[in-house]
Each structure stands twice: as C-alpha cells, then as structure tokens.
Amino acid sequence: MAYSEDHIALAAEYALGTLDADERTQVETMMAVDKEFAAIVQAWEFRLGVLNQMVGSVEPRPLVWDNIRRAIGHGGEQAPLVLPEAPPLPPEAPFVPEANDNAAATPLPPAPESSNVVQLNSRIRRWRSVASVASAIAAALLVMVGLQVYQPDALPDSIRPKPRTQVVEVKTPPPPAAAQYVALLQSGAGAPAFILTVDATTRNFTVRKVGAQPEAGKSYELWIVSDKLQRPRSLGVIGNNDFTARPVLSGYDSEIVNQATYAVSVEPQGGSPSGAPTGPVVFSGKLIETVPPAAPAR
C-alpha cells in the first residue's frame, strides 16, 4: 500500500527513538499487522545504524550521574510530597427559565478544533526530526566516504572497504629470434644425405635424415673437424629415426662451431670404438646462416 509522509516520518522517529510511549505502542501495533510498514521501519533502522557504528560507547563519569540525580531531586533525602488543597467550588445557581421563553435553548458555540493544531504540531515536530536525521546521515556518509578514501583502517571491520585485487596483464615481447645455421651433409655434388641444423644461442643441433640409407651392422657417426682442434671430435651416432637431436656443441666456442666442417663416417654398430673415425667419411658439409639474429630493440 501507499504510505503518507506522516507514516514514513513516524517510522523514522521510531527507528531514531524519539517517540513517546503511546506513539511507540502505535508503531509496534502497525508493524505487527502490516509487514510492509515493518519493512519501512527496518529500512530506517538500517540507515540510522551507520551512526552507531561511527561512534564508540563512552562511559560517563560518576559526577555526571550525581548532577542528574540532584537535578531531578534524587540527590539526597526528599521531603514528602504534599499536594495543595483544592479550593471549594462555588454553589451553582439554580436555573430559572423565563416565563415567556418558549424557544429551545441556544446551543453553545463549538469548541475550537484543537485536534488540528495538535496534529499540525506533531507533523512539524516529526519533519524536523526527519530533517535532523537526514542531515546527520548526510554528514555521516560524508565522513565515511572520506575515511574510506584516506584512512580506511579507522573504520570498523563491518563497514571497512574490502581490498580490491586488480589483475594487470603485462604483455612481454617475444624473445628475439636466434640465428639459425644449416649444413647440407652430402657426397660431392650429390643429393644431401643429412641436414644439420644448429641454434646459435643454445648451440643445440638436430640431424635430419634425408637420403642416407642404413647399412646392415653399421652406424653413421657425426664428427666436427676444425684446424683449432687437434683431431676430429665425435658428436655422437646418428640414430635410425628421421631426427636426431644433441646438445653437445654447447661445449665448443661459437667461432669453432660456425667455421668447422661436419663429417659423417661409417662405423661399426654403436659407433667408433677408438674415439676417432675408423671407417670411410661418406658425407660432409659446412654451416651456412639461414636466419640472421634479430636486431636489438631501441
């Protein structure tokens, strides 16, 4: 149902605690029979509850209570209350109607409508209370907003703003491309038997079998040959799969890796037993740069 301004002001004053006993009884009766009106009262109690959370309880000093008792006459022993005697009422004169008065008695003028004045005063008092409450709520909200922005730790835990977690995505640029080197391991001008790929950054290499044919009881073994090395160094047996990867070039200087000759010999099954080529060298080649290193970012 639609409620008047008086109902809303009455609910606000009930939540504020400024009604007298009769008015509070009236509001509680309305709340018991009208759930919507009870919800309006609860809404005011929720709005005004912020004021209680902003102010801590303070215990008054004993001197305050003593002053209050003295002010209301309870500070010491009280004299018995004696009511003044009421003066005797004057005797009423008998009513003697006039002999020629046959008309009806003249009615008394109606009493002034004091109830309207009382209702108007009640409305004014209630709206003044509501205006004071609204001003207090506005001031409390202003203080709360300021504390939430500048001093959130000063607020009670129940109304303290929760910390926000903001996820910031930082896009890191991809790492610059490393230089790549490739060697075609072949016999003369024939088709390549293997393709050797070397990463300049990690110096890991991969051997891909292209045209080489396996020999029964034999293995292909890869060697690095350089005038800066006393003898060829084995880089391991090339497997039977299409790709064979090894990290063994990381132990060599980049200049040796880039300028060396890579050779493939035919060895007994499992590789050379002496650590040096024992069979014929059937394929060889040198590295060429296929992917240049990325330019440094400016």
Protein backbone atom coordinates (compact mmCIF):
# COMPACT_ATOMS: atom_id res chain seq x y z
CA MET A 1 0.00 0.00 0.00
CA ALA A 2 0.98 3.66 -0.39
CA TYR A 3 2.04 5.34 2.83
CA SER A 4 1.71 9.01 3.63
CA GLU A 5 4.54 11.28 4.68
CA ASP A 6 3.29 11.00 8.28
CA HIS A 7 3.71 7.22 8.20
CA ILE A 8 7.25 7.50 6.85
CA ALA A 9 8.15 10.18 9.42
CA LEU A 10 6.65 8.02 12.17
CA ALA A 11 8.78 5.05 11.08
CA ALA A 12 11.90 7.23 11.02
CA GLU A 13 11.25 8.60 14.51
CA TYR A 14 10.63 5.09 15.83
CA ALA A 15 13.99 3.98 14.47
CA LEU A 16 15.59 7.11 15.91
CA GLY A 17 13.98 6.56 19.34
CA THR A 18 12.30 9.97 19.73
CA LEU A 19 8.67 8.81 20.09
CA ASP A 20 6.83 8.77 23.38
CA ALA A 21 5.39 5.59 24.85
CA ASP A 22 1.95 5.89 23.22
CA GLU A 23 3.40 6.58 19.79
CA ARG A 24 5.84 3.68 20.07
CA THR A 25 2.94 1.38 21.00
CA GLN A 26 1.06 2.64 17.95
CA VAL A 27 4.03 1.94 15.66
CA GLU A 28 4.63 -1.52 17.11
CA THR A 29 0.93 -2.38 16.63
CA MET A 30 1.13 -1.25 12.99
CA MET A 31 4.30 -3.30 12.48
CA ALA A 32 2.61 -6.40 13.89
CA VAL A 33 -0.32 -6.21 11.44
CA ASP A 34 1.40 -4.60 8.42
CA LYS A 35 4.54 -6.28 7.11
CA GLU A 36 5.19 -3.55 4.53
CA PHE A 37 5.20 -0.88 7.23
CA ALA A 38 7.52 -3.08 9.33
CA ALA A 39 9.88 -3.21 6.32
CA ILE A 40 9.90 0.61 6.18
CA VAL A 41 10.86 0.75 9.88
CA GLN A 42 13.63 -1.81 9.31
CA ALA A 43 14.94 0.21 6.38
CA TRP A 44 15.20 3.31 8.60
CA GLU A 45 16.93 1.26 11.30
CA PHE A 46 19.47 0.09 8.70
CA ARG A 47 20.13 3.66 7.52
CA LEU A 48 20.47 5.04 11.03
CA GLY A 49 22.56 2.10 12.23
CA VAL A 50 25.56 3.66 10.48
CA LEU A 51 25.55 6.41 13.08
CA ASN A 52 26.01 3.89 15.89
CA GLN A 53 28.93 2.25 14.11
CA MET A 54 30.68 5.58 13.67
CA VAL A 55 30.58 6.43 17.39
CA GLY A 56 32.05 4.30 20.15
CA SER A 57 30.44 3.86 23.54
CA VAL A 58 31.54 6.29 26.27
CA GLU A 59 31.03 5.64 29.95
CA PRO A 60 30.02 8.90 31.74
CA ARG A 61 31.87 9.97 34.84
CA PRO A 62 30.21 9.40 38.23
CA LEU A 63 29.93 13.17 38.64
CA VAL A 64 27.51 13.28 35.72
CA TRP A 65 25.13 10.84 37.39
CA ASP A 66 25.32 12.80 40.65
CA ASN A 67 24.41 16.01 38.85
CA ILE A 68 21.49 14.29 37.13
CA ARG A 69 20.19 12.94 40.44
CA ARG A 70 20.42 16.35 42.07
CA ALA A 71 18.71 17.97 39.09
CA ILE A 72 15.71 15.63 39.34
CA GLY A 73 15.59 15.76 43.13
CA HIS A 74 17.15 12.40 43.94
CA GLY A 75 20.41 13.68 45.32
CA GLY A 76 19.51 13.20 49.00
CA GLU A 77 16.59 12.64 51.27
CA GLN A 78 13.39 14.01 49.83
CA ALA A 79 10.61 15.68 51.75
CA PRO A 80 7.22 14.05 51.44
CA LEU A 81 5.25 15.34 48.52
CA VAL A 82 2.26 17.43 49.74
CA LEU A 83 -0.33 18.44 47.22
CA PRO A 84 -2.11 21.78 47.78
CA GLU A 85 -5.74 21.58 48.78
CA ALA A 86 -8.16 22.41 46.06
CA PRO A 87 -10.39 25.44 46.79
CA PRO A 88 -14.08 24.62 47.32
CA LEU A 89 -16.32 25.03 44.31
CA PRO A 90 -18.87 27.89 44.43
CA PRO A 91 -22.52 26.78 44.76
CA GLU A 92 -24.31 26.57 41.47
CA ALA A 93 -27.18 29.00 40.98
CA PRO A 94 -30.46 27.32 40.13
CA PHE A 95 -31.61 27.70 36.58
CA VAL A 96 -34.87 29.62 36.34
CA PRO A 97 -36.33 29.73 32.86
CA GLU A 98 -38.08 32.91 31.75
CA ALA A 99 -41.79 32.74 31.67
CA ASN A 100 -42.11 33.86 28.07
CA ASP A 101 -39.11 31.79 26.78
CA ASN A 102 -40.77 29.03 24.78
CA ALA A 103 -37.86 28.62 22.29
CA ALA A 104 -35.24 25.96 22.55
CA ALA A 105 -32.09 26.71 24.50
CA THR A 106 -29.40 28.43 22.44
CA PRO A 107 -26.64 25.91 21.67
CA LEU A 108 -23.16 26.69 22.89
CA PRO A 109 -20.56 27.61 20.27
CA PRO A 110 -18.42 24.66 19.26
CA ALA A 111 -15.09 24.21 20.97
CA PRO A 112 -12.07 25.22 18.92
CA GLU A 113 -10.65 22.39 16.87
CA SER A 114 -7.60 21.85 19.00
CA SER A 115 -7.03 18.40 17.43
CA ASN A 116 -5.97 20.01 14.15
CA VAL A 117 -3.45 22.17 15.99
CA VAL A 118 -2.08 19.12 17.79
CA GLN A 119 -1.74 17.18 14.54
CA LEU A 120 0.00 20.12 12.87
CA ASN A 121 2.43 20.44 15.77
CA SER A 122 3.07 16.70 15.65
CA ARG A 123 3.79 16.86 11.92
CA ILE A 124 6.14 19.80 12.33
CA ARG A 125 7.99 18.02 15.12
CA ARG A 126 8.29 14.83 13.13
CA TRP A 127 9.55 16.50 9.98
CA ARG A 128 12.04 18.49 11.99
CA SER A 129 13.25 15.22 13.43
CA VAL A 130 13.42 13.66 9.95
CA ALA A 131 15.32 16.69 8.64
CA SER A 132 17.79 16.41 11.52
CA VAL A 133 18.17 12.69 10.85
CA ALA A 134 18.75 13.30 7.13
CA SER A 135 21.39 15.91 7.92
CA ALA A 136 23.08 13.52 10.34
CA ILE A 137 23.03 10.72 7.76
CA ALA A 138 24.48 13.00 5.10
CA ALA A 139 27.25 14.11 7.47
CA ALA A 140 27.95 10.50 8.47
CA LEU A 141 28.11 9.38 4.84
CA LEU A 142 30.46 12.25 4.04
CA VAL A 143 32.73 11.22 6.90
CA MET A 144 32.59 7.56 5.82
CA VAL A 145 33.49 8.41 2.24
CA GLY A 146 36.43 10.49 3.42
CA LEU A 147 37.65 7.74 5.73
CA GLN A 148 37.26 5.08 3.02
CA VAL A 149 39.42 7.14 0.68
CA TYR A 150 42.07 8.50 3.04
CA GLN A 151 42.01 6.40 6.26
CA PRO A 152 40.18 3.09 5.68
CA ASP A 153 41.87 1.50 8.72
CA ALA A 154 39.98 3.90 11.01
CA LEU A 155 36.62 2.37 10.05
CA PRO A 156 35.07 -0.62 11.87
CA ASP A 157 35.60 -4.01 10.26
CA SER A 158 31.92 -4.32 9.29
CA ILE A 159 32.00 -1.25 7.00
CA ARG A 160 35.67 -1.18 6.08
CA PRO A 161 36.06 -1.41 2.28
CA LYS A 162 37.41 -4.72 1.10
CA PRO A 163 40.75 -4.59 -0.68
CA ARG A 164 40.44 -4.86 -4.41
CA THR A 165 42.59 -7.13 -6.45
CA GLN A 166 43.18 -5.84 -9.93
CA VAL A 167 44.74 -8.16 -12.45
CA VAL A 168 47.04 -6.29 -14.77
CA GLU A 169 48.10 -8.13 -17.86
CA VAL A 170 51.63 -7.27 -18.86
CA LYS A 171 52.44 -8.36 -22.34
CA THR A 172 56.10 -9.19 -22.66
CA PRO A 173 57.55 -9.01 -26.12
CA PRO A 174 58.57 -12.35 -27.59
CA PRO A 175 62.24 -13.16 -27.33
CA PRO A 176 64.25 -12.16 -30.35
CA ALA A 177 64.74 -14.89 -32.89
CA ALA A 178 68.09 -16.61 -32.62
CA ALA A 179 70.34 -17.09 -35.61
CA GLN A 180 70.00 -20.46 -37.30
CA TYR A 181 72.70 -22.33 -39.22
CA VAL A 182 72.26 -25.24 -41.62
CA ALA A 183 74.77 -27.65 -43.21
CA LEU A 184 73.95 -30.00 -46.06
CA LEU A 185 75.91 -33.18 -45.42
CA GLN A 186 76.40 -34.78 -48.82
CA SER A 187 78.93 -36.53 -51.01
CA GLY A 188 80.33 -34.16 -53.62
CA ALA A 189 77.57 -32.58 -55.65
CA GLY A 190 75.12 -35.37 -54.96
CA ALA A 191 71.85 -35.09 -53.08
CA PRO A 192 72.16 -34.39 -49.35
CA ALA A 193 72.11 -37.43 -47.11
CA PHE A 194 71.60 -35.46 -43.88
CA ILE A 195 70.64 -31.87 -42.96
CA LEU A 196 72.37 -30.46 -39.88
CA THR A 197 70.64 -27.53 -38.10
CA VAL A 198 72.38 -25.56 -35.31
CA ASP A 199 70.80 -22.96 -32.97
CA ALA A 200 73.31 -20.14 -32.46
CA THR A 201 72.03 -19.31 -28.97
CA THR A 202 71.88 -22.74 -27.35
CA ARG A 203 74.23 -24.47 -29.84
CA ASN A 204 71.93 -27.44 -29.82
CA PHE A 205 71.88 -29.26 -33.13
CA THR A 206 69.47 -31.51 -34.96
CA VAL A 207 70.35 -34.01 -37.71
CA ARG A 208 67.58 -34.89 -40.13
CA LYS A 209 67.97 -37.99 -42.27
CA VAL A 210 67.14 -37.19 -45.90
CA GLY A 211 68.71 -39.54 -48.43
CA ALA A 212 71.09 -41.73 -46.42
CA GLN A 213 70.40 -45.45 -46.50
CA PRO A 214 71.23 -47.57 -43.45
CA GLU A 215 73.83 -50.32 -43.79
CA ALA A 216 73.43 -53.64 -42.00
CA GLY A 217 75.62 -53.87 -38.89
CA LYS A 218 76.88 -50.32 -39.36
CA SER A 219 76.18 -46.88 -37.86
CA TYR A 220 76.57 -43.36 -39.12
CA GLU A 221 78.61 -41.17 -36.77
CA LEU A 222 78.86 -37.35 -36.90
CA TRP A 223 82.19 -35.53 -36.40
CA ILE A 224 83.28 -31.90 -36.02
CA VAL A 225 86.54 -31.08 -37.83
CA SER A 226 88.46 -27.82 -37.26
CA ASP A 227 92.05 -26.63 -37.55
CA LYS A 228 91.65 -25.32 -33.99
CA LEU A 229 91.10 -28.83 -32.74
CA GLN A 230 93.94 -31.39 -32.63
CA ARG A 231 91.73 -34.14 -34.11
CA PRO A 232 88.12 -34.69 -35.16
CA ARG A 233 85.69 -34.83 -32.27
CA SER A 234 82.71 -37.14 -32.24
CA LEU A 235 79.26 -35.57 -31.90
CA GLY A 236 77.60 -38.95 -31.47
CA VAL A 237 75.97 -41.69 -33.52
CA ILE A 238 73.12 -40.62 -35.79
CA GLY A 239 70.02 -42.58 -34.84
CA ASN A 240 67.78 -44.57 -37.10
CA ASN A 241 64.86 -42.13 -36.66
CA ASP A 242 64.28 -39.22 -39.00
CA PHE A 243 65.56 -36.70 -36.44
CA THR A 244 68.47 -36.91 -34.00
CA ALA A 245 68.97 -34.04 -31.52
CA ARG A 246 72.08 -33.41 -29.42
CA PRO A 247 73.26 -30.60 -27.09
CA VAL A 248 76.99 -31.47 -27.30
CA LEU A 249 78.00 -28.40 -29.33
CA SER A 250 77.43 -26.18 -26.26
CA GLY A 251 80.94 -27.11 -25.10
CA TYR A 252 82.58 -25.53 -28.13
CA ASP A 253 83.43 -21.92 -28.93
CA SER A 254 80.97 -20.21 -31.31
CA GLU A 255 83.75 -19.50 -33.82
CA ILE A 256 84.69 -23.16 -33.97
CA VAL A 257 81.04 -24.19 -34.35
CA ASN A 258 80.36 -21.72 -37.16
CA GLN A 259 83.55 -22.38 -39.21
CA ALA A 260 84.04 -26.11 -38.68
CA THR A 261 83.43 -28.88 -41.18
CA TYR A 262 80.93 -31.56 -40.21
CA ALA A 263 81.57 -35.07 -41.49
CA VAL A 264 79.74 -38.40 -41.33
CA SER A 265 81.66 -41.66 -41.28
CA VAL A 266 80.53 -45.27 -41.43
CA GLU A 267 81.41 -47.03 -38.17
CA PRO A 268 80.72 -50.37 -36.53
CA GLN A 269 77.32 -50.76 -34.87
CA GLY A 270 77.16 -48.29 -31.95
CA GLY A 271 79.99 -46.01 -33.14
CA SER A 272 83.77 -45.84 -33.33
CA PRO A 273 85.48 -47.93 -30.65
CA SER A 274 88.58 -45.68 -30.59
CA GLY A 275 87.08 -42.15 -30.41
CA ALA A 276 88.42 -41.37 -33.91
CA PRO A 277 86.94 -42.12 -37.34
CA THR A 278 87.75 -45.74 -38.33
CA GLY A 279 85.57 -46.05 -41.41
CA PRO A 280 85.29 -44.02 -44.58
CA VAL A 281 83.95 -40.45 -44.43
CA VAL A 282 80.98 -40.57 -46.79
CA PHE A 283 79.26 -37.17 -46.26
CA SER A 284 80.44 -33.71 -45.19
CA GLY A 285 79.43 -30.04 -45.26
CA LYS A 286 79.84 -26.60 -43.64
CA LEU A 287 77.30 -24.40 -41.84
CA ILE A 288 75.61 -21.52 -43.61
CA GLU A 289 73.45 -18.88 -41.89
CA THR A 290 69.78 -19.20 -42.84
CA VAL A 291 68.09 -16.99 -40.17
CA PRO A 292 70.02 -13.86 -39.09
CA PRO A 293 69.89 -12.77 -35.46
CA ALA A 294 67.16 -10.21 -34.59
CA ALA A 295 68.24 -6.59 -34.30
CA PRO A 296 68.24 -5.28 -30.70
CA ALA A 297 65.15 -3.23 -29.78
CA ARG A 298 65.65 0.54 -29.49
